[in-house]
Amino acid sequence: MELKKELDKLKSYMGGDNDEAFEKQASFIREHFTSDSDQREIDNFISLELSDISNRLEDTIKDIEIRLQLMDVKEIVSLSYIAKNYFHKTRSWLHQKINGNMKNGKPCTFTEKELDTLNFALQDISKKIGSIAIHP
């Protein structure tokens, strides 16, 4: 029996809806892999998985923070205008990014470059609006 193979099998059950299979596999590993080297490999596996979960949580928090920041903006500024004039994309493309819609099995998120473009767009629009003064 190879521990790596069994840990990979355990990983395939993680985050799924088959808790019974996960528990069964975890019990199998605990019962059959008890040496010090096995325990080190299991500890390393757990550490890597926790790190991966932490990274995914950070990404999710970042995406939610962006959505919250854009909630008010969506009511004030035309997202169609931003999508067309700053990204050269459609309004639906921008909405997919903002809402984190799934595309090809992955959530749509902003790249760092796209966030820079979005920040530039918002600042540019702010300057344009701020420079307008209506005189009678």
N, C-alpha and C. Protein backbone atom coordinates (compact mmCIF):
# COMPACT_ATOMS: atom_id res chain seq x y z
N MET A 1 0.84 -1.19 0.00
CA MET A 1 0.00 0.00 0.00
C MET A 1 0.87 1.24 0.00
N GLU A 2 0.49 2.17 -0.82
CA GLU A 2 1.26 3.40 -0.92
C GLU A 2 0.46 4.54 -0.29
N LEU A 3 1.06 5.20 0.68
CA LEU A 3 0.38 6.26 1.41
C LEU A 3 -0.05 7.39 0.50
N LYS A 4 0.82 7.81 -0.41
CA LYS A 4 0.49 8.92 -1.31
C LYS A 4 -0.80 8.64 -2.07
N LYS A 5 -0.92 7.42 -2.57
CA LYS A 5 -2.12 7.03 -3.32
C LYS A 5 -3.36 7.11 -2.43
N GLU A 6 -3.23 6.67 -1.20
CA GLU A 6 -4.36 6.69 -0.27
C GLU A 6 -4.72 8.12 0.13
N LEU A 7 -3.71 8.98 0.28
CA LEU A 7 -3.98 10.39 0.60
C LEU A 7 -4.66 11.09 -0.58
N ASP A 8 -4.23 10.76 -1.80
CA ASP A 8 -4.88 11.32 -2.98
C ASP A 8 -6.35 10.90 -3.05
N LYS A 9 -6.60 9.66 -2.69
CA LYS A 9 -7.98 9.17 -2.65
C LYS A 9 -8.78 9.94 -1.60
N LEU A 10 -8.17 10.17 -0.44
CA LEU A 10 -8.82 10.95 0.61
C LEU A 10 -9.13 12.36 0.11
N LYS A 11 -8.17 12.94 -0.58
CA LYS A 11 -8.34 14.30 -1.11
C LYS A 11 -9.52 14.37 -2.07
N SER A 12 -9.72 13.32 -2.84
CA SER A 12 -10.84 13.32 -3.80
C SER A 12 -12.19 13.40 -3.10
N TYR A 13 -12.25 12.99 -1.84
CA TYR A 13 -13.49 13.06 -1.08
C TYR A 13 -13.65 14.39 -0.35
N MET A 14 -12.59 15.16 -0.25
CA MET A 14 -12.64 16.41 0.50
C MET A 14 -13.52 17.43 -0.22
N GLY A 15 -14.35 18.09 0.55
CA GLY A 15 -15.22 19.13 0.00
C GLY A 15 -16.40 18.57 -0.76
N GLY A 16 -16.52 17.27 -0.81
CA GLY A 16 -17.64 16.65 -1.51
C GLY A 16 -18.81 16.41 -0.57
N ASP A 17 -19.77 15.69 -1.07
CA ASP A 17 -20.96 15.43 -0.25
C ASP A 17 -21.00 14.00 0.27
N ASN A 18 -19.88 13.29 0.14
CA ASN A 18 -19.84 11.90 0.60
C ASN A 18 -18.98 11.80 1.87
N ASP A 19 -19.53 12.28 2.97
CA ASP A 19 -18.81 12.28 4.24
C ASP A 19 -18.45 10.87 4.70
N GLU A 20 -19.33 9.94 4.42
CA GLU A 20 -19.10 8.56 4.84
C GLU A 20 -17.85 7.99 4.16
N ALA A 21 -17.69 8.24 2.87
CA ALA A 21 -16.52 7.75 2.14
C ALA A 21 -15.25 8.42 2.66
N PHE A 22 -15.35 9.72 2.97
CA PHE A 22 -14.20 10.45 3.51
C PHE A 22 -13.78 9.84 4.85
N GLU A 23 -14.73 9.65 5.74
CA GLU A 23 -14.43 9.09 7.07
C GLU A 23 -13.86 7.68 6.95
N LYS A 24 -14.39 6.89 6.06
CA LYS A 24 -13.91 5.52 5.86
C LYS A 24 -12.46 5.54 5.38
N GLN A 25 -12.15 6.43 4.43
CA GLN A 25 -10.78 6.52 3.92
C GLN A 25 -9.83 7.04 4.99
N ALA A 26 -10.26 8.04 5.75
CA ALA A 26 -9.43 8.58 6.83
C ALA A 26 -9.14 7.50 7.87
N SER A 27 -10.14 6.71 8.21
CA SER A 27 -9.94 5.61 9.17
C SER A 27 -8.97 4.57 8.63
N PHE A 28 -9.10 4.26 7.35
CA PHE A 28 -8.20 3.30 6.72
C PHE A 28 -6.75 3.78 6.82
N ILE A 29 -6.54 5.05 6.54
CA ILE A 29 -5.18 5.62 6.60
C ILE A 29 -4.66 5.57 8.04
N ARG A 30 -5.49 5.97 9.01
CA ARG A 30 -5.06 5.94 10.42
C ARG A 30 -4.68 4.53 10.87
N GLU A 31 -5.41 3.55 10.40
CA GLU A 31 -5.16 2.16 10.82
C GLU A 31 -3.95 1.53 10.15
N HIS A 32 -3.68 1.88 8.90
CA HIS A 32 -2.66 1.18 8.13
C HIS A 32 -1.33 1.92 7.98
N PHE A 33 -1.31 3.19 8.27
CA PHE A 33 -0.08 3.97 8.09
C PHE A 33 0.28 4.62 9.43
N THR A 34 1.07 3.90 10.21
CA THR A 34 1.33 4.32 11.59
C THR A 34 2.79 4.60 11.90
N SER A 35 3.67 4.38 10.94
CA SER A 35 5.10 4.61 11.21
C SER A 35 5.38 6.11 11.33
N ASP A 36 6.55 6.43 11.86
CA ASP A 36 6.94 7.84 11.99
C ASP A 36 7.01 8.52 10.63
N SER A 37 7.56 7.84 9.64
CA SER A 37 7.66 8.45 8.30
C SER A 37 6.26 8.64 7.70
N ASP A 38 5.36 7.70 7.95
CA ASP A 38 3.98 7.86 7.49
C ASP A 38 3.34 9.08 8.16
N GLN A 39 3.56 9.22 9.46
CA GLN A 39 2.98 10.35 10.19
C GLN A 39 3.51 11.68 9.68
N ARG A 40 4.81 11.72 9.34
CA ARG A 40 5.38 12.95 8.77
C ARG A 40 4.73 13.27 7.43
N GLU A 41 4.53 12.24 6.61
CA GLU A 41 3.89 12.46 5.30
C GLU A 41 2.44 12.91 5.48
N ILE A 42 1.75 12.32 6.44
CA ILE A 42 0.37 12.73 6.71
C ILE A 42 0.33 14.17 7.23
N ASP A 43 1.25 14.51 8.13
CA ASP A 43 1.33 15.88 8.65
C ASP A 43 1.59 16.87 7.52
N ASN A 44 2.48 16.52 6.60
CA ASN A 44 2.79 17.37 5.46
C ASN A 44 1.56 17.54 4.57
N PHE A 45 0.85 16.44 4.33
CA PHE A 45 -0.38 16.48 3.53
C PHE A 45 -1.39 17.43 4.16
N ILE A 46 -1.60 17.29 5.45
CA ILE A 46 -2.57 18.15 6.16
C ILE A 46 -2.14 19.60 6.08
N SER A 47 -0.86 19.86 6.28
CA SER A 47 -0.34 21.22 6.22
C SER A 47 -0.57 21.84 4.84
N LEU A 48 -0.28 21.09 3.79
CA LEU A 48 -0.48 21.60 2.43
C LEU A 48 -1.96 21.86 2.14
N GLU A 49 -2.82 20.96 2.59
CA GLU A 49 -4.25 21.13 2.37
C GLU A 49 -4.78 22.34 3.13
N LEU A 50 -4.33 22.54 4.36
CA LEU A 50 -4.75 23.71 5.13
C LEU A 50 -4.28 24.99 4.47
N SER A 51 -3.07 24.98 3.95
CA SER A 51 -2.55 26.15 3.24
C SER A 51 -3.38 26.44 2.00
N ASP A 52 -3.75 25.40 1.27
CA ASP A 52 -4.58 25.57 0.08
C ASP A 52 -5.95 26.13 0.45
N ILE A 53 -6.54 25.62 1.51
CA ILE A 53 -7.84 26.12 1.97
C ILE A 53 -7.72 27.59 2.37
N SER A 54 -6.65 27.93 3.07
CA SER A 54 -6.43 29.31 3.49
C SER A 54 -6.32 30.23 2.28
N ASN A 55 -5.57 29.81 1.26
CA ASN A 55 -5.43 30.62 0.05
C ASN A 55 -6.76 30.81 -0.65
N ARG A 56 -7.55 29.75 -0.74
CA ARG A 56 -8.86 29.87 -1.39
C ARG A 56 -9.78 30.78 -0.60
N LEU A 57 -9.71 30.72 0.73
CA LEU A 57 -10.52 31.62 1.55
C LEU A 57 -10.11 33.07 1.36
N GLU A 58 -8.82 33.32 1.29
CA GLU A 58 -8.34 34.68 1.05
C GLU A 58 -8.84 35.20 -0.28
N ASP A 59 -8.81 34.36 -1.32
CA ASP A 59 -9.31 34.76 -2.63
C ASP A 59 -10.80 35.05 -2.58
N THR A 60 -11.55 34.23 -1.87
CA THR A 60 -12.99 34.42 -1.75
C THR A 60 -13.30 35.71 -1.01
N ILE A 61 -12.58 35.97 0.07
CA ILE A 61 -12.78 37.21 0.83
C ILE A 61 -12.48 38.41 -0.05
N LYS A 62 -11.40 38.34 -0.82
CA LYS A 62 -11.03 39.43 -1.72
C LYS A 62 -12.14 39.68 -2.74
N ASP A 63 -12.68 38.62 -3.32
CA ASP A 63 -13.76 38.75 -4.30
C ASP A 63 -15.01 39.37 -3.68
N ILE A 64 -15.34 38.96 -2.47
CA ILE A 64 -16.52 39.51 -1.79
C ILE A 64 -16.30 40.98 -1.47
N GLU A 65 -15.10 41.34 -1.04
CA GLU A 65 -14.81 42.75 -0.74
C GLU A 65 -14.96 43.60 -1.99
N ILE A 66 -14.52 43.09 -3.13
CA ILE A 66 -14.66 43.83 -4.39
C ILE A 66 -16.14 44.02 -4.71
N ARG A 67 -16.93 42.96 -4.59
CA ARG A 67 -18.37 43.05 -4.86
C ARG A 67 -19.04 44.08 -3.96
N LEU A 68 -18.68 44.06 -2.67
CA LEU A 68 -19.28 45.01 -1.74
C LEU A 68 -18.92 46.44 -2.10
N GLN A 69 -17.68 46.67 -2.50
CA GLN A 69 -17.24 48.00 -2.87
C GLN A 69 -17.96 48.49 -4.13
N LEU A 70 -18.31 47.57 -5.01
CA LEU A 70 -18.94 47.95 -6.28
C LEU A 70 -20.46 48.05 -6.19
N MET A 71 -21.05 47.65 -5.07
CA MET A 71 -22.51 47.69 -4.95
C MET A 71 -23.05 49.09 -5.18
N ASP A 72 -22.49 50.08 -4.50
CA ASP A 72 -22.95 51.46 -4.66
C ASP A 72 -22.62 52.00 -6.04
N VAL A 73 -21.45 51.64 -6.53
CA VAL A 73 -21.00 52.14 -7.83
C VAL A 73 -21.97 51.71 -8.93
N LYS A 74 -22.49 50.48 -8.83
CA LYS A 74 -23.41 49.97 -9.85
C LYS A 74 -24.67 50.84 -9.95
N GLU A 75 -25.05 51.47 -8.86
CA GLU A 75 -26.24 52.33 -8.85
C GLU A 75 -25.94 53.72 -9.41
N ILE A 76 -24.69 54.13 -9.37
CA ILE A 76 -24.31 55.48 -9.76
C ILE A 76 -23.74 55.55 -11.17
N VAL A 77 -22.90 54.61 -11.50
CA VAL A 77 -22.14 54.64 -12.75
C VAL A 77 -22.60 53.49 -13.65
N SER A 78 -22.64 53.76 -14.93
CA SER A 78 -23.02 52.73 -15.90
C SER A 78 -21.90 51.71 -16.06
N LEU A 79 -22.21 50.46 -15.67
CA LEU A 79 -21.22 49.40 -15.86
C LEU A 79 -21.01 49.10 -17.33
N SER A 80 -22.04 49.34 -18.13
CA SER A 80 -21.89 49.17 -19.59
C SER A 80 -20.83 50.12 -20.12
N TYR A 81 -20.85 51.35 -19.62
CA TYR A 81 -19.87 52.35 -20.04
C TYR A 81 -18.46 51.92 -19.65
N ILE A 82 -18.30 51.45 -18.42
CA ILE A 82 -16.98 51.00 -17.96
C ILE A 82 -16.51 49.81 -18.78
N ALA A 83 -17.39 48.84 -18.98
CA ALA A 83 -17.02 47.64 -19.74
C ALA A 83 -16.59 48.00 -21.15
N LYS A 84 -17.36 48.85 -21.80
CA LYS A 84 -17.10 49.21 -23.20
C LYS A 84 -15.87 50.09 -23.35
N ASN A 85 -15.77 51.13 -22.53
CA ASN A 85 -14.74 52.15 -22.74
C ASN A 85 -13.40 51.85 -22.08
N TYR A 86 -13.39 51.03 -21.06
CA TYR A 86 -12.13 50.76 -20.37
C TYR A 86 -11.62 49.33 -20.57
N PHE A 87 -12.55 48.40 -20.76
CA PHE A 87 -12.15 47.00 -20.96
C PHE A 87 -12.34 46.52 -22.39
N HIS A 88 -13.14 47.29 -23.17
CA HIS A 88 -13.49 46.89 -24.54
C HIS A 88 -14.18 45.53 -24.53
N LYS A 89 -15.06 45.38 -23.55
CA LYS A 89 -15.82 44.13 -23.36
C LYS A 89 -17.30 44.49 -23.20
N THR A 90 -18.11 43.46 -23.07
CA THR A 90 -19.55 43.68 -22.89
C THR A 90 -19.90 43.89 -21.42
N ARG A 91 -21.09 44.43 -21.22
CA ARG A 91 -21.60 44.63 -19.87
C ARG A 91 -21.72 43.29 -19.14
N SER A 92 -22.16 42.25 -19.86
CA SER A 92 -22.32 40.94 -19.22
C SER A 92 -20.97 40.37 -18.78
N TRP A 93 -19.91 40.65 -19.54
CA TRP A 93 -18.57 40.20 -19.15
C TRP A 93 -18.20 40.82 -17.79
N LEU A 94 -18.45 42.13 -17.66
CA LEU A 94 -18.11 42.81 -16.41
C LEU A 94 -18.98 42.29 -15.26
N HIS A 95 -20.25 42.07 -15.51
CA HIS A 95 -21.13 41.52 -14.47
C HIS A 95 -20.66 40.13 -14.03
N GLN A 96 -20.21 39.32 -14.98
CA GLN A 96 -19.69 37.99 -14.62
C GLN A 96 -18.50 38.10 -13.69
N LYS A 97 -17.61 39.04 -13.98
CA LYS A 97 -16.43 39.25 -13.13
C LYS A 97 -16.84 39.74 -11.74
N ILE A 98 -17.74 40.70 -11.71
CA ILE A 98 -18.17 41.27 -10.43
C ILE A 98 -18.88 40.22 -9.58
N ASN A 99 -19.74 39.43 -10.20
CA ASN A 99 -20.55 38.45 -9.47
C ASN A 99 -19.86 37.12 -9.26
N GLY A 100 -18.69 36.92 -9.86
CA GLY A 100 -17.96 35.65 -9.70
C GLY A 100 -18.69 34.47 -10.31
N ASN A 101 -19.41 34.72 -11.41
CA ASN A 101 -20.15 33.64 -12.07
C ASN A 101 -19.21 32.53 -12.51
N MET A 102 -19.76 31.32 -12.57
CA MET A 102 -18.98 30.16 -13.00
C MET A 102 -18.89 30.14 -14.52
N LYS A 103 -17.68 29.88 -15.01
CA LYS A 103 -17.46 29.74 -16.45
C LYS A 103 -16.43 28.64 -16.62
N ASN A 104 -16.76 27.62 -17.38
CA ASN A 104 -15.90 26.45 -17.57
C ASN A 104 -15.51 25.82 -16.23
N GLY A 105 -16.46 25.82 -15.30
CA GLY A 105 -16.23 25.18 -14.01
C GLY A 105 -15.43 26.00 -13.01
N LYS A 106 -15.07 27.22 -13.37
CA LYS A 106 -14.30 28.08 -12.48
C LYS A 106 -15.03 29.41 -12.30
N PRO A 107 -14.90 30.01 -11.11
CA PRO A 107 -15.52 31.32 -10.93
C PRO A 107 -14.73 32.39 -11.69
N CYS A 108 -15.47 33.30 -12.32
CA CYS A 108 -14.83 34.42 -13.01
C CYS A 108 -14.36 35.42 -11.95
N THR A 109 -13.11 35.76 -11.98
CA THR A 109 -12.57 36.75 -11.04
C THR A 109 -11.70 37.73 -11.81
N PHE A 110 -11.46 38.87 -11.19
CA PHE A 110 -10.60 39.88 -11.80
C PHE A 110 -9.14 39.49 -11.65
N THR A 111 -8.38 39.70 -12.71
CA THR A 111 -6.93 39.58 -12.61
C THR A 111 -6.41 40.88 -11.99
N GLU A 112 -5.17 40.89 -11.59
CA GLU A 112 -4.59 42.13 -11.02
C GLU A 112 -4.64 43.25 -12.05
N LYS A 113 -4.35 42.94 -13.30
CA LYS A 113 -4.38 43.95 -14.37
C LYS A 113 -5.80 44.49 -14.54
N GLU A 114 -6.79 43.60 -14.49
CA GLU A 114 -8.18 44.05 -14.62
C GLU A 114 -8.60 44.92 -13.44
N LEU A 115 -8.13 44.58 -12.24
CA LEU A 115 -8.43 45.43 -11.08
C LEU A 115 -7.80 46.80 -11.23
N ASP A 116 -6.58 46.84 -11.76
CA ASP A 116 -5.93 48.13 -12.02
C ASP A 116 -6.75 48.94 -13.02
N THR A 117 -7.23 48.28 -14.07
CA THR A 117 -8.05 48.96 -15.08
C THR A 117 -9.35 49.46 -14.46
N LEU A 118 -9.98 48.64 -13.63
CA LEU A 118 -11.22 49.05 -12.98
C LEU A 118 -10.98 50.24 -12.05
N ASN A 119 -9.92 50.20 -11.28
CA ASN A 119 -9.60 51.34 -10.41
C ASN A 119 -9.33 52.59 -11.22
N PHE A 120 -8.60 52.45 -12.32
CA PHE A 120 -8.35 53.60 -13.20
C PHE A 120 -9.66 54.15 -13.73
N ALA A 121 -10.55 53.25 -14.19
CA ALA A 121 -11.84 53.68 -14.73
C ALA A 121 -12.63 54.47 -13.70
N LEU A 122 -12.70 53.96 -12.49
CA LEU A 122 -13.46 54.64 -11.44
C LEU A 122 -12.86 56.00 -11.10
N GLN A 123 -11.54 56.07 -11.02
CA GLN A 123 -10.87 57.35 -10.75
C GLN A 123 -11.07 58.33 -11.90
N ASP A 124 -10.98 57.83 -13.13
CA ASP A 124 -11.15 58.67 -14.32
C ASP A 124 -12.58 59.22 -14.37
N ILE A 125 -13.56 58.38 -14.12
CA ILE A 125 -14.95 58.83 -14.11
C ILE A 125 -15.17 59.83 -12.98
N SER A 126 -14.56 59.59 -11.84
CA SER A 126 -14.67 60.51 -10.71
C SER A 126 -14.13 61.89 -11.08
N LYS A 127 -12.99 61.92 -11.75
CA LYS A 127 -12.41 63.20 -12.19
C LYS A 127 -13.32 63.90 -13.19
N LYS A 128 -13.87 63.13 -14.12
CA LYS A 128 -14.76 63.72 -15.14
C LYS A 128 -15.99 64.32 -14.48
N ILE A 129 -16.59 63.59 -13.54
CA ILE A 129 -17.78 64.10 -12.86
C ILE A 129 -17.41 65.30 -11.98
N GLY A 130 -16.27 65.22 -11.30
CA GLY A 130 -15.83 66.30 -10.43
C GLY A 130 -15.50 67.58 -11.17
N SER A 131 -15.17 67.49 -12.44
CA SER A 131 -14.80 68.68 -13.20
C SER A 131 -16.02 69.36 -13.83
N ILE A 132 -17.18 68.74 -13.70
CA ILE A 132 -18.39 69.31 -14.30
C ILE A 132 -19.02 70.30 -13.33
N ALA A 133 -19.33 71.46 -13.84
CA ALA A 133 -20.06 72.46 -13.07
C ALA A 133 -21.08 73.09 -14.01
N ILE A 134 -22.32 73.08 -13.61
CA ILE A 134 -23.39 73.64 -14.42
C ILE A 134 -23.56 75.10 -14.02
N HIS A 135 -23.47 75.97 -15.01
CA HIS A 135 -23.62 77.41 -14.77
C HIS A 135 -24.89 77.89 -15.44
N PRO A 136 -25.66 78.73 -14.73
CA PRO A 136 -26.90 79.26 -15.34
C PRO A 136 -26.60 80.30 -16.41
